[in-house]
C-alpha atoms as a PDB file:
ATOM      1  CA  MET A   1      -5.407 -13.333  14.807  1.00  0.00           C
ATOM      2  CA  PHE A   2      -2.824 -11.957  12.180  1.00  0.00           C
ATOM      3  CA  LYS A   3      -0.387 -14.988  11.625  1.00  0.00           C
ATOM      4  CA  ARG A   4       1.218 -14.270   8.321  1.00  0.00           C
ATOM      5  CA  PRO A   5       4.173 -11.700   7.949  1.00  0.00           C
ATOM      6  CA  VAL A   6       2.571  -8.806   6.666  1.00  0.00           C
ATOM      7  CA  ALA A   7       4.785  -8.759   3.204  1.00  0.00           C
ATOM      8  CA  VAL A   8       3.090 -12.232   2.615  1.00  0.00           C
ATOM      9  CA  VAL A   9       0.217 -10.618   2.877  1.00  0.00           C
ATOM     10  CA  ILE A  10       0.572  -7.663   1.079  1.00  0.00           C
ATOM     11  CA  ALA A  11       2.108  -9.898  -1.763  1.00  0.00           C
ATOM     12  CA  ALA A  12      -1.184 -12.213  -1.706  1.00  0.00           C
ATOM     13  CA  ILE A  13      -3.382  -9.353  -1.874  1.00  0.00           C
ATOM     14  CA  THR A  14      -1.679  -7.483  -4.523  1.00  0.00           C
ATOM     15  CA  ALA A  15      -1.222 -10.531  -6.628  1.00  0.00           C
ATOM     16  CA  SER A  16      -4.999 -12.072  -6.175  1.00  0.00           C
ATOM     17  CA  ALA A  17      -6.332  -8.165  -7.543  1.00  0.00           C
ATOM     18  CA  LEU A  18      -4.092  -6.639  -9.831  1.00  0.00           C
ATOM     19  CA  THR A  19      -6.122  -6.673 -12.324  1.00  0.00           C
ATOM     20  CA  ALA A  20      -9.066  -4.968 -10.160  1.00  0.00           C
ATOM     21  CA  SER A  21      -6.130  -2.657  -9.557  1.00  0.00           C
ATOM     22  CA  SER A  22      -5.866  -1.510 -13.231  1.00  0.00           C
ATOM     23  CA  HIS A  23      -9.167  -0.500 -13.697  1.00  0.00           C
ATOM     24  CA  ALA A  24     -10.233   1.125 -10.690  1.00  0.00           C
ATOM     25  CA  ALA A  25     -13.865   2.889 -10.683  1.00  0.00           C
ATOM     26  CA  THR A  26     -13.209   5.155  -7.624  1.00  0.00           C
ATOM     27  CA  PRO A  27      -9.556   5.959  -6.708  1.00  0.00           C
ATOM     28  CA  MET A  28      -8.962   6.778  -3.125  1.00  0.00           C
ATOM     29  CA  LEU A  29      -6.862   9.809  -3.064  1.00  0.00           C
ATOM     30  CA  PRO A  30      -4.820  10.979  -0.364  1.00  0.00           C
ATOM     31  CA  ASP A  31      -5.208  14.437   1.110  1.00  0.00           C
ATOM     32  CA  LEU A  32      -1.912  16.044   2.097  1.00  0.00           C
ATOM     33  CA  ARG A  33      -2.692  18.939   5.012  1.00  0.00           C
ATOM     34  CA  GLN A  34       0.193  20.963   5.767  1.00  0.00           C
ATOM     35  CA  ALA A  35      -0.095  21.264   9.747  1.00  0.00           C
ATOM     36  CA  PRO A  36       0.434  24.257  11.465  1.00  0.00           C
ATOM     37  CA  VAL A  37       3.886  25.558  11.375  1.00  0.00           C
ATOM     38  CA  GLY A  38       6.060  25.556  14.669  1.00  0.00           C
ATOM     39  CA  CYS A  39       3.667  23.099  16.594  1.00  0.00           C
ATOM     40  CA  PRO A  40       4.399  19.270  17.163  1.00  0.00           C
ATOM     41  CA  GLY A  41       2.665  16.540  15.140  1.00  0.00           C
ATOM     42  CA  GLY A  42      -0.806  15.867  15.563  1.00  0.00           C
ATOM     43  CA  TYR A  43      -1.130  19.518  17.850  1.00  0.00           C
ATOM     44  CA  ASP A  44      -5.095  20.579  17.623  1.00  0.00           C
ATOM     45  CA  GLY A  45      -4.632  23.846  19.815  1.00  0.00           C
ATOM     46  CA  ASP A  46      -3.958  27.245  18.992  1.00  0.00           C
ATOM     47  CA  ALA A  47      -1.489  27.568  16.312  1.00  0.00           C
ATOM     48  CA  SER A  48      -0.172  31.133  17.902  1.00  0.00           C
ATOM     49  CA  LYS A  49       1.008  29.641  20.880  1.00  0.00           C
ATOM     50  CA  CYS A  50       2.908  27.125  19.296  1.00  0.00           C
ATOM     51  CA  GLU A  51       6.755  26.502  20.550  1.00  0.00           C
ATOM     52  CA  ALA A  52       8.160  23.690  18.523  1.00  0.00           C
ATOM     53  CA  TRP A  53      10.790  26.370  17.239  1.00  0.00           C
ATOM     54  CA  ASP A  54      13.602  28.000  18.041  1.00  0.00           C
ATOM     55  CA  VAL A  55      16.561  30.826  17.019  1.00  0.00           C
ATOM     56  CA  CYS A  56      19.730  28.906  17.302  1.00  0.00           C
ATOM     57  CA  LEU A  57      23.024  30.868  17.069  1.00  0.00           C
ATOM     58  CA  VAL A  58      26.117  28.591  15.266  1.00  0.00           C
ATOM     59  CA  THR A  59      29.660  28.525  14.395  1.00  0.00           C
ATOM     60  CA  ASP A  60      30.133  26.478  11.417  1.00  0.00           C
ATOM     61  CA  PRO A  61      27.529  27.566   8.778  1.00  0.00           C
ATOM     62  CA  SER A  62      28.350  24.654   6.488  1.00  0.00           C
ATOM     63  CA  SER A  63      27.208  22.117   9.240  1.00  0.00           C
ATOM     64  CA  PRO A  64      23.582  21.787   8.598  1.00  0.00           C
ATOM     65  CA  GLY A  65      22.889  20.370  12.212  1.00  0.00           C
ATOM     66  CA  GLY A  66      25.902  21.966  14.141  1.00  0.00           C
ATOM     67  CA  PRO A  67      25.237  22.870  17.743  1.00  0.00           C
ATOM     68  CA  CYS A  68      23.558  26.176  18.936  1.00  0.00           C
ATOM     69  CA  VAL A  69      25.949  28.397  20.826  1.00  0.00           C
ATOM     70  CA  ASP A  70      25.609  31.115  23.278  1.00  0.00           C
ATOM     71  CA  GLU A  71      28.611  32.700  22.445  1.00  0.00           C
ATOM     72  CA  GLY A  72      32.092  32.466  20.010  1.00  0.00           C
ATOM     73  CA  ASP A  73      32.733  33.265  16.780  1.00  0.00           C
ATOM     74  CA  ILE A  74      28.646  33.088  15.585  1.00  0.00           C
ATOM     75  CA  ARG A  75      28.671  33.189  11.622  1.00  0.00           C
ATOM     76  CA  ALA A  76      24.890  32.386  11.457  1.00  0.00           C
ATOM     77  CA  VAL A  77      21.557  32.394  12.729  1.00  0.00           C
ATOM     78  CA  ARG A  78      18.766  30.208  12.053  1.00  0.00           C
ATOM     79  CA  LEU A  79      15.268  30.216  12.757  1.00  0.00           C
ATOM     80  CA  ARG A  80      14.293  26.309  13.624  1.00  0.00           C
ATOM     81  CA  PHE A  81      10.724  24.991  13.380  1.00  0.00           C
ATOM     82  CA  THR A  82       8.847  21.757  13.110  1.00  0.00           C
ATOM     83  CA  THR A  83       7.037  20.899  10.500  1.00  0.00           C
ATOM     84  CA  SER A  84       4.555  17.780   9.911  1.00  0.00           C
ATOM     85  CA  VAL A  85       2.101  16.592   7.108  1.00  0.00           C
ATOM     86  CA  ASP A  86      -1.055  15.042   7.424  1.00  0.00           C
ATOM     87  CA  ASN A  87      -3.209  12.476   5.444  1.00  0.00           C
ATOM     88  CA  ILE A  88      -7.064  13.575   5.786  1.00  0.00           C
ATOM     89  CA  GLY A  89      -8.107  12.365   2.613  1.00  0.00           C
ATOM     90  CA  ASP A  90      -9.358   8.752   1.224  1.00  0.00           C
ATOM     91  CA  GLY A  91      -6.615   6.842   0.573  1.00  0.00           C
ATOM     92  CA  PRO A  92      -3.447   6.350   1.823  1.00  0.00           C
ATOM     93  CA  PHE A  93      -0.539   8.517   0.093  1.00  0.00           C
ATOM     94  CA  LEU A  94       2.479   5.951  -1.232  1.00  0.00           C
ATOM     95  CA  VAL A  95       5.030   6.172  -3.406  1.00  0.00           C
ATOM     96  CA  HIS A  96       7.326   3.584  -4.847  1.00  0.00           C
ATOM     97  CA  ALA A  97      11.318   4.418  -6.044  1.00  0.00           C
ATOM     98  CA  HIS A  98      13.129   2.052  -8.242  1.00  0.00           C
ATOM     99  CA  ARG A  99      16.180   2.462 -10.009  1.00  0.00           C
ATOM    100  CA  ASP A 100      18.059  -0.768 -12.462  1.00  0.00           C
ATOM    101  CA  SER A 101      21.370  -1.021 -10.634  1.00  0.00           C
ATOM    102  CA  THR A 102      23.365   0.558  -8.324  1.00  0.00           C
ATOM    103  CA  ALA A 103      25.009   2.606 -11.091  1.00  0.00           C
ATOM    104  CA  GLN A 104      22.356   4.905 -10.941  1.00  0.00           C
ATOM    105  CA  PRO A 105      22.523   7.479  -7.931  1.00  0.00           C
ATOM    106  CA  ARG A 106      19.046   8.225  -8.431  1.00  0.00           C
ATOM    107  CA  MET A 107      15.473   5.947  -8.284  1.00  0.00           C
ATOM    108  CA  ALA A 108      12.357   7.176 -10.236  1.00  0.00           C
ATOM    109  CA  VAL A 109       9.166   7.870  -8.511  1.00  0.00           C
ATOM    110  CA  ARG A 110       5.645   6.536  -9.393  1.00  0.00           C
ATOM    111  CA  GLN A 111       2.630   6.889  -7.054  1.00  0.00           C
ATOM    112  CA  ALA A 112       0.436   4.399  -5.851  1.00  0.00           C
ATOM    113  CA  ILE A 113      -3.490   4.697  -5.445  1.00  0.00           C
ATOM    114  CA  GLN A 114      -5.661   2.414  -3.955  1.00  0.00           C
ATOM    115  CA  SER A 115      -8.300   1.058  -6.315  1.00  0.00           C
ATOM    116  CA  ASP A 116     -11.536   1.242  -4.672  1.00  0.00           C
ATOM    117  CA  VAL A 117     -13.120   1.384  -0.924  1.00  0.00           C
ATOM    118  CA  ASP A 118     -11.431  -1.677   1.117  1.00  0.00           C
ATOM    119  CA  GLY A 119      -9.430  -2.142  -2.577  1.00  0.00           C
ATOM    120  CA  PRO A 120      -5.871  -3.209  -3.539  1.00  0.00           C
ATOM    121  CA  ILE A 121      -3.035  -0.697  -3.343  1.00  0.00           C
ATOM    122  CA  PRO A 122       0.140  -1.589  -6.100  1.00  0.00           C
ATOM    123  CA  MET A 123       2.889  -2.629  -4.011  1.00  0.00           C
ATOM    124  CA  THR A 124       5.885  -2.488  -6.067  1.00  0.00           C
ATOM    125  CA  PHE A 125       7.211   0.344  -8.478  1.00  0.00           C
ATOM    126  CA  ALA A 126       5.817  -1.456 -11.679  1.00  0.00           C
ATOM    127  CA  GLU A 127       2.353  -1.654 -10.476  1.00  0.00           C
ATOM    128  CA  ALA A 128       2.407   1.992  -9.523  1.00  0.00           C
ATOM    129  CA  GLN A 129      -0.395   3.889 -11.821  1.00  0.00           C
ATOM    130  CA  HIS A 130       1.026   7.169 -11.911  1.00  0.00           C
ATOM    131  CA  HIS A 131       4.568   8.463 -13.148  1.00  0.00           C
ATOM    132  CA  THR A 132       6.030  11.617 -11.495  1.00  0.00           C
ATOM    133  CA  SER A 133       8.971  13.817 -12.363  1.00  0.00           C
ATOM    134  CA  THR A 134      10.053  13.935  -8.621  1.00  0.00           C
ATOM    135  CA  TRP A 135      13.068  11.218  -7.532  1.00  0.00           C
ATOM    136  CA  SER A 136      14.866   9.657  -4.443  1.00  0.00           C
ATOM    137  CA  TYR A 137      18.147   9.371  -3.342  1.00  0.00           C
ATOM    138  CA  TYR A 138      20.206   8.458  -0.434  1.00  0.00           C
ATOM    139  CA  GLU A 139      21.409  10.724   2.099  1.00  0.00           C
ATOM    140  CA  PRO A 140      24.270   9.747   3.176  1.00  0.00           C
ATOM    141  CA  ALA A 141      24.813  12.316   6.646  1.00  0.00           C
ATOM    142  CA  ALA A 142      24.930  10.623  10.081  1.00  0.00           C
ATOM    143  CA  ALA A 143      21.745  11.848  11.098  1.00  0.00           C
ATOM    144  CA  HIS A 144      20.005  10.194   8.084  1.00  0.00           C
ATOM    145  CA  GLU A 145      21.452   7.609   6.324  1.00  0.00           C
ATOM    146  CA  HIS A 146      18.468   6.394   4.370  1.00  0.00           C
ATOM    147  CA  TRP A 147      16.613   7.143   0.980  1.00  0.00           C
ATOM    148  CA  HIS A 148      14.591  10.326   0.639  1.00  0.00           C
ATOM    149  CA  LEU A 149      11.727  11.504  -1.190  1.00  0.00           C
ATOM    150  CA  MET A 150      12.942  15.010  -3.082  1.00  0.00           C
ATOM    151  CA  GLY A 151      10.609  18.299  -3.540  1.00  0.00           C
ATOM    152  CA  PHE A 152       8.031  16.917  -1.299  1.00  0.00           C
ATOM    153  CA  GLU A 153       7.542  19.930   0.873  1.00  0.00           C
ATOM    154  CA  TYR A 154       9.189  23.734   1.088  1.00  0.00           C
ATOM    155  CA  PHE A 155       9.820  26.703   3.319  1.00  0.00           C
ATOM    156  CA  GLN A 156      10.093  30.007   2.864  1.00  0.00           C
ATOM    157  CA  LEU A 157      10.513  33.322   4.462  1.00  0.00           C
ATOM    158  CA  ARG A 158       8.231  35.684   3.073  1.00  0.00           C
ATOM    159  CA  THR A 159       7.316  39.682   3.640  1.00  0.00           C
ATOM    160  CA  PRO A 160       3.910  39.989   4.181  1.00  0.00           C
ATOM    161  CA  SER A 161       3.102  41.437   0.466  1.00  0.00           C
ATOM    162  CA  GLY A 162       4.467  37.761  -0.361  1.00  0.00           C
ATOM    163  CA  GLU A 163       7.827  38.670  -1.637  1.00  0.00           C
ATOM    164  CA  THR A 164      10.218  35.607  -1.050  1.00  0.00           C
ATOM    165  CA  VAL A 165      13.153  36.252   1.578  1.00  0.00           C
ATOM    166  CA  VAL A 166      14.887  32.919   2.513  1.00  0.00           C
ATOM    167  CA  THR A 167      14.836  29.843   0.786  1.00  0.00           C
ATOM    168  CA  ASP A 168      15.249  26.583   2.822  1.00  0.00           C
ATOM    169  CA  ARG A 169      18.004  24.275   1.910  1.00  0.00           C
ATOM    170  CA  LYS A 170      16.229  20.741   2.694  1.00  0.00           C
ATOM    171  CA  ASN A 171      17.182  17.777   0.957  1.00  0.00           C
ATOM    172  CA  GLY A 172      14.465  15.668   1.365  1.00  0.00           C
ATOM    173  CA  PHE A 173      12.174  13.690   3.274  1.00  0.00           C
ATOM    174  CA  CYS A 174      11.466   9.908   4.453  1.00  0.00           C
ATOM    175  CA  LEU A 175       8.057   9.711   4.675  1.00  0.00           C
ATOM    176  CA  GLY A 176       5.615   7.211   7.322  1.00  0.00           C
ATOM    177  CA  ASP A 177       3.237   7.118   9.803  1.00  0.00           C
ATOM    178  CA  ARG A 178       4.877   9.024  12.721  1.00  0.00           C
ATOM    179  CA  TYR A 179       1.921  10.522  14.671  1.00  0.00           C
ATOM    180  CA  THR A 180      -2.146  10.108  14.104  1.00  0.00           C
ATOM    181  CA  ASN A 181      -3.543  13.187  13.444  1.00  0.00           C
ATOM    182  CA  ALA A 182      -6.092  15.614  15.211  1.00  0.00           C
ATOM    183  CA  ASP A 183      -8.936  14.431  12.551  1.00  0.00           C
ATOM    184  CA  ALA A 184      -8.155  10.873  12.359  1.00  0.00           C
ATOM    185  CA  GLY A 185     -11.373   9.681  14.536  1.00  0.00           C
ATOM    186  CA  SER A 186     -13.539  11.458  11.576  1.00  0.00           C
ATOM    187  CA  LEU A 187     -12.112  10.196   8.880  1.00  0.00           C
ATOM    188  CA  ALA A 188     -13.927   6.964   7.058  1.00  0.00           C
ATOM    189  CA  HIS A 189     -11.045   5.654   5.585  1.00  0.00           C
ATOM    190  CA  ARG A 190      -8.751   4.439   8.245  1.00  0.00           C
ATOM    191  CA  PRO A 191      -6.627   1.788   8.145  1.00  0.00           C
ATOM    192  CA  GLY A 192      -8.757  -1.785   8.622  1.00  0.00           C
ATOM    193  CA  ASP A 193      -7.043  -5.078  10.327  1.00  0.00           C
ATOM    194  CA  ARG A 194      -3.680  -6.411   9.617  1.00  0.00           C
ATOM    195  CA  ASP A 195      -5.527  -8.663   7.247  1.00  0.00           C
ATOM    196  CA  SER A 196      -6.487  -5.829   4.862  1.00  0.00           C
ATOM    197  CA  TYR A 197      -5.059  -3.942   2.212  1.00  0.00           C
ATOM    198  CA  THR A 198      -4.388  -0.712   4.223  1.00  0.00           C
ATOM    199  CA  GLY A 199      -4.056  -2.070   7.482  1.00  0.00           C
ATOM    200  CA  ALA A 200      -0.532  -4.415   6.400  1.00  0.00           C
ATOM    201  CA  LEU A 201       0.420  -1.251   4.693  1.00  0.00           C
ATOM    202  CA  ALA A 202      -0.150   0.836   7.785  1.00  0.00           C
ATOM    203  CA  HIS A 203       1.727  -1.730   9.489  1.00  0.00           C
ATOM    204  CA  GLU A 204       5.081  -1.334   7.109  1.00  0.00           C
ATOM    205  CA  LEU A 205       4.227   2.567   7.667  1.00  0.00           C
ATOM    206  CA  ASP A 206       4.791   2.585  11.121  1.00  0.00           C
ATOM    207  CA  GLY A 207       8.213   3.982  11.988  1.00  0.00           C
ATOM    208  CA  HIS A 208       8.861   3.170   8.711  1.00  0.00           C
ATOM    209  CA  LYS A 209      13.010   4.248   7.960  1.00  0.00           C
ATOM    210  CA  CYS A 210      13.222   4.029   3.963  1.00  0.00           C
ATOM    211  CA  GLN A 211      15.766   1.509   3.524  1.00  0.00           C
ATOM    212  CA  HIS A 212      17.998   2.614   6.549  1.00  0.00           C
ATOM    213  CA  HIS A 213      21.926   2.111   6.190  1.00  0.00           C
ATOM    214  CA  ASN A 214      20.839   0.228   2.578  1.00  0.00           C
ATOM    215  CA  PRO A 215      22.573   2.943   0.243  1.00  0.00           C
ATOM    216  CA  GLU A 216      22.701  -0.672  -2.541  1.00  0.00           C
ATOM    217  CA  ALA A 217      18.873  -0.637  -2.570  1.00  0.00           C
ATOM    218  CA  LEU A 218      17.309  -1.149  -5.670  1.00  0.00           C
ATOM    219  CA  ASP A 219      13.323  -0.257  -4.502  1.00  0.00           C
ATOM    220  CA  VAL A 220      12.328   1.838  -1.340  1.00  0.00           C
ATOM    221  CA  PHE A 221       8.755   3.498  -1.125  1.00  0.00           C
ATOM    222  CA  PHE A 222       7.633   6.439   0.925  1.00  0.00           C
ATOM    223  CA  GLY A 223       4.078   6.977   2.481  1.00  0.00           C
ATOM    224  CA  ILE A 224       1.262   8.093   4.639  1.00  0.00           C
ATOM    225  CA  SER A 225      -1.664   6.162   5.808  1.00  0.00           C
ATOM    226  CA  VAL A 226      -4.931   8.335   6.304  1.00  0.00           C
ATOM    227  CA  GLY A 227      -5.318   9.131   9.796  1.00  0.00           C
ATOM    228  CA  LYS A 228      -1.768   9.519  10.131  1.00  0.00           C
ATOM    229  CA  GLY A 229       0.856  12.127   9.775  1.00  0.00           C
ATOM    230  CA  ASP A 230       4.465  12.663   9.050  1.00  0.00           C
ATOM    231  CA  ASP A 231       6.435  15.488  11.117  1.00  0.00           C
ATOM    232  CA  TYR A 232      10.538  16.777  11.118  1.00  0.00           C
ATOM    233  CA  LYS A 233      11.086  18.274  14.452  1.00  0.00           C
ATOM    234  CA  TYR A 234      12.917  21.298  14.514  1.00  0.00           C
ATOM    235  CA  ARG A 235      16.408  19.971  16.110  1.00  0.00           C
ATOM    236  CA  VAL A 236      16.486  17.899  12.640  1.00  0.00           C
ATOM    237  CA  GLU A 237      19.320  18.842  10.180  1.00  0.00           C
ATOM    238  CA  PHE A 238      17.989  21.483   7.721  1.00  0.00           C
ATOM    239  CA  GLN A 239      15.065  21.611   9.198  1.00  0.00           C
ATOM    240  CA  TRP A 240      15.556  25.935   9.337  1.00  0.00           C
ATOM    241  CA  LEU A 241      15.666  29.150   7.567  1.00  0.00           C
ATOM    242  CA  ASP A 242      18.957  31.454   7.561  1.00  0.00           C
ATOM    243  CA  ILE A 243      18.000  34.422   8.679  1.00  0.00           C
ATOM    244  CA  THR A 244      21.612  36.162   9.540  1.00  0.00           C
ATOM    245  CA  ARG A 245      21.051  39.112   6.994  1.00  0.00           C
ATOM    246  CA  VAL A 246      17.372  39.198   6.950  1.00  0.00           C
ATOM    247  CA  ALA A 247      16.266  42.867   8.177  1.00  0.00           C
ATOM    248  CA  SER A 248      14.240  43.278  11.578  1.00  0.00           C
ATOM    249  CA  GLY A 249      10.908  43.660  10.601  1.00  0.00           C
ATOM    250  CA  ILE A 250       7.413  40.949  10.369  1.00  0.00           C
ATOM    251  CA  TYR A 251       7.564  38.047   7.963  1.00  0.00           C
ATOM    252  CA  ASP A 252       5.550  34.841   7.106  1.00  0.00           C
ATOM    253  CA  VAL A 253       7.215  31.326   7.636  1.00  0.00           C
ATOM    254  CA  VAL A 254       5.512  29.840   4.865  1.00  0.00           C
ATOM    255  CA  THR A 255       5.760  25.653   4.409  1.00  0.00           C
ATOM    256  CA  VAL A 256       3.678  23.682   1.106  1.00  0.00           C
ATOM    257  CA  ALA A 257       3.290  20.361   0.861  1.00  0.00           C
ATOM    258  CA  ASN A 258       3.280  18.800  -3.181  1.00  0.00           C
ATOM    259  CA  PRO A 259       4.208  22.511  -3.966  1.00  0.00           C
ATOM    260  CA  ASP A 260       4.419  21.578  -7.963  1.00  0.00           C
ATOM    261  CA  ARG A 261       1.308  19.134  -7.129  1.00  0.00           C
ATOM    262  CA  VAL A 262       3.169  16.440  -8.948  1.00  0.00           C
ATOM    263  CA  LEU A 263       1.591  13.900  -6.531  1.00  0.00           C
ATOM    264  CA  LEU A 264      -2.303  13.398  -6.896  1.00  0.00           C
ATOM    265  CA  GLU A 265      -4.442  14.348  -4.191  1.00  0.00           C
ATOM    266  CA  LYS A 266      -8.136  14.984  -3.770  1.00  0.00           C
ATOM    267  CA  ASN A 267      -7.528  18.368  -2.541  1.00  0.00           C
ATOM    268  CA  TYR A 268      -4.785  21.017  -3.085  1.00  0.00           C
ATOM    269  CA  ASP A 269      -6.145  23.528  -0.914  1.00  0.00           C
ATOM    270  CA  ASN A 270      -4.529  23.135   2.235  1.00  0.00           C
ATOM    271  CA  ASN A 271      -1.472  22.448   1.627  1.00  0.00           C
ATOM    272  CA  ALA A 272       0.074  25.697   2.612  1.00  0.00           C
ATOM    273  CA  SER A 273       0.678  27.268   6.359  1.00  0.00           C
ATOM    274  CA  SER A 274       2.047  29.684   7.807  1.00  0.00           C
ATOM    275  CA  MET A 275       3.358  31.342  10.815  1.00  0.00           C
ATOM    276  CA  ALA A 276       3.731  35.247  11.304  1.00  0.00           C
ATOM    277  CA  ILE A 277       6.925  36.548  12.730  1.00  0.00           C
ATOM    278  CA  LYS A 278       8.484  39.500  14.407  1.00  0.00           C
ATOM    279  CA  VAL A 279      12.075  40.065  14.085  1.00  0.00           C
ATOM    280  CA  GLN A 280      14.129  42.422  16.223  1.00  0.00           C
ATOM    281  CA  TRP A 281      18.215  42.731  15.974  1.00  0.00           C
ATOM    282  CA  PRO A 282      19.587  43.903  19.575  1.00  0.00           C
ATOM    283  CA  GLY A 283      19.569  47.355  20.175  1.00  0.00           C
ATOM    284  CA  GLY A 284      16.752  48.473  17.462  1.00  0.00           C
ATOM    285  CA  ALA A 285      18.969  47.686  14.875  1.00  0.00           C
ATOM    286  CA  THR A 286      17.806  47.606  11.369  1.00  0.00           C
ATOM    287  CA  HIS A 287      20.291  44.809  10.644  1.00  0.00           C
ATOM    288  CA  ALA A 288      22.792  42.268  12.298  1.00  0.00           C
ATOM    289  CA  PRO A 289      26.090  43.847  13.647  1.00  0.00           C
ATOM    290  CA  GLU A 290      28.812  42.835  11.821  1.00  0.00           C
ATOM    291  CA  LYS A 291      29.829  40.822  14.910  1.00  0.00           C
ATOM    292  CA  ILE A 292      27.334  38.909  16.116  1.00  0.00           C
ATOM    293  CA  THR A 293      27.150  38.221  19.815  1.00  0.00           C
ATOM    294  CA  ARG A 294      23.680  37.896  20.697  1.00  0.00           C
ATOM    295  CA  PRO A 295      20.179  36.423  18.188  1.00  0.00           C
ATOM    296  CA  PRO A 296      17.660  38.722  17.353  1.00  0.00           C
ATOM    297  CA  VAL A 297      14.811  38.725  19.082  1.00  0.00           C
ATOM    298  CA  VAL A 298      12.252  36.869  16.927  1.00  0.00           C
ATOM    299  CA  LYS A 299       8.302  36.779  18.276  1.00  0.00           C
ATOM    300  CA  LEU A 300       5.395  34.784  16.829  1.00  0.00           C
ATOM    301  CA  LEU A 301       2.603  36.779  16.426  1.00  0.00           C
ATOM    302  CA  ARG A 302      -0.075  34.422  14.999  1.00  0.00           C
ATOM    303  CA  GLY A 303      -0.261  31.079  13.218  1.00  0.00           C
ATOM    304  CA  CYS A 304      -2.051  30.578   9.918  1.00  0.00           C
ATOM    305  CA  PRO A 305      -2.848  26.733   9.166  1.00  0.00           C
ATOM    306  CA  GLY A 306      -3.610  26.496   6.015  1.00  0.00           C
ATOM    307  CA  LYS A 307      -2.927  29.985   4.607  1.00  0.00           C
ATOM    308  CA  ILE A 308       0.211  30.968   2.596  1.00  0.00           C
ATOM    309  CA  ARG A 309       0.260  34.877   3.845  1.00  0.00           C
ATOM    310  CA  CYS A 310      -0.348  35.234   7.395  1.00  0.00           C
ATOM    311  CA  ALA A 311       1.362  38.209   8.303  1.00  0.00           C
ATOM    312  CA  GLY A 312      -0.380  40.914   5.810  1.00  0.00           C
ATOM    313  CA  GLU A 313      -3.756  41.354   3.963  1.00  0.00           C
ATOM    314  CA  PRO A 314      -5.573  39.713   3.017  1.00  0.00           C
ATOM    315  CA  TRP A 315      -6.101  37.753   6.207  1.00  0.00           C
ATOM    316  CA  ARG A 316      -8.797  35.103   5.548  1.00  0.00           C
ATOM    317  CA  GLY A 317      -6.876  32.668   3.365  1.00  0.00           C
ATOM    318  CA  SER A 318      -6.319  34.255  -0.075  1.00  0.00           C
ATOM    319  CA  ARG A 319      -3.617  32.312  -1.772  1.00  0.00           C
END
């Protein structure tokens, strides 16, 4: 039976195995997989039938989480969608962020790599092995009020030929274990019991809040255990692309995890997913009217998990 606090277990494990961690023979890398766009976290059905997305009319474009309305002075149209990232790798995805004082608005970020099967996991910024170019900051918006990891994922609306039409305004992510992914049962290195390195870490990541209500923090961590995933539901702030000025036509909604590959992974080939949509403004119009009273009809044509292109050729996953 587990009797000690998890933080004590992690500290004891790390202290006893720090030397081994720094001389890892078989690093256990994560594998970040971008889950189907517009689907709930952990979904393993037909990606062309997902309903975790909508079209939202807003009156205040400056409000990232403004309420959807049916009438009024409509100033923007947003395509909102859920995004999820799974870890199907050999080891946990874990990064530590640190700053030396509260005078620094940003924290530097390092990635921690599990040293070997059942081996230790660096549990401090100083011990983490991989320096990165990304960073972390505190998001004060009422719906967040916690620390965010920047550059983890981006969203775009693209033409079938790959031209970018709209880019997201997402400002960062608080990553933790939010759901069990569809392949968890087949993954060899799922977290062990609470006395193991991975089990102790998984306990900390379960519902992790990223130093919620603590803008004075000097350290924070983000992560996803093997067999788990993190999802951002479509009603969350910035989980949208602005399609107010988008012409009627067919497009890809593209989401990419670890887009700059600054985070070490076992495999980068599954970092993108897309869904093909058709946008049609009312009355067969090519563009939005000067005064918007009705949203465009948006139809999901198909989902293409693991592919960066969905609406046009080539159809079979060329990146």
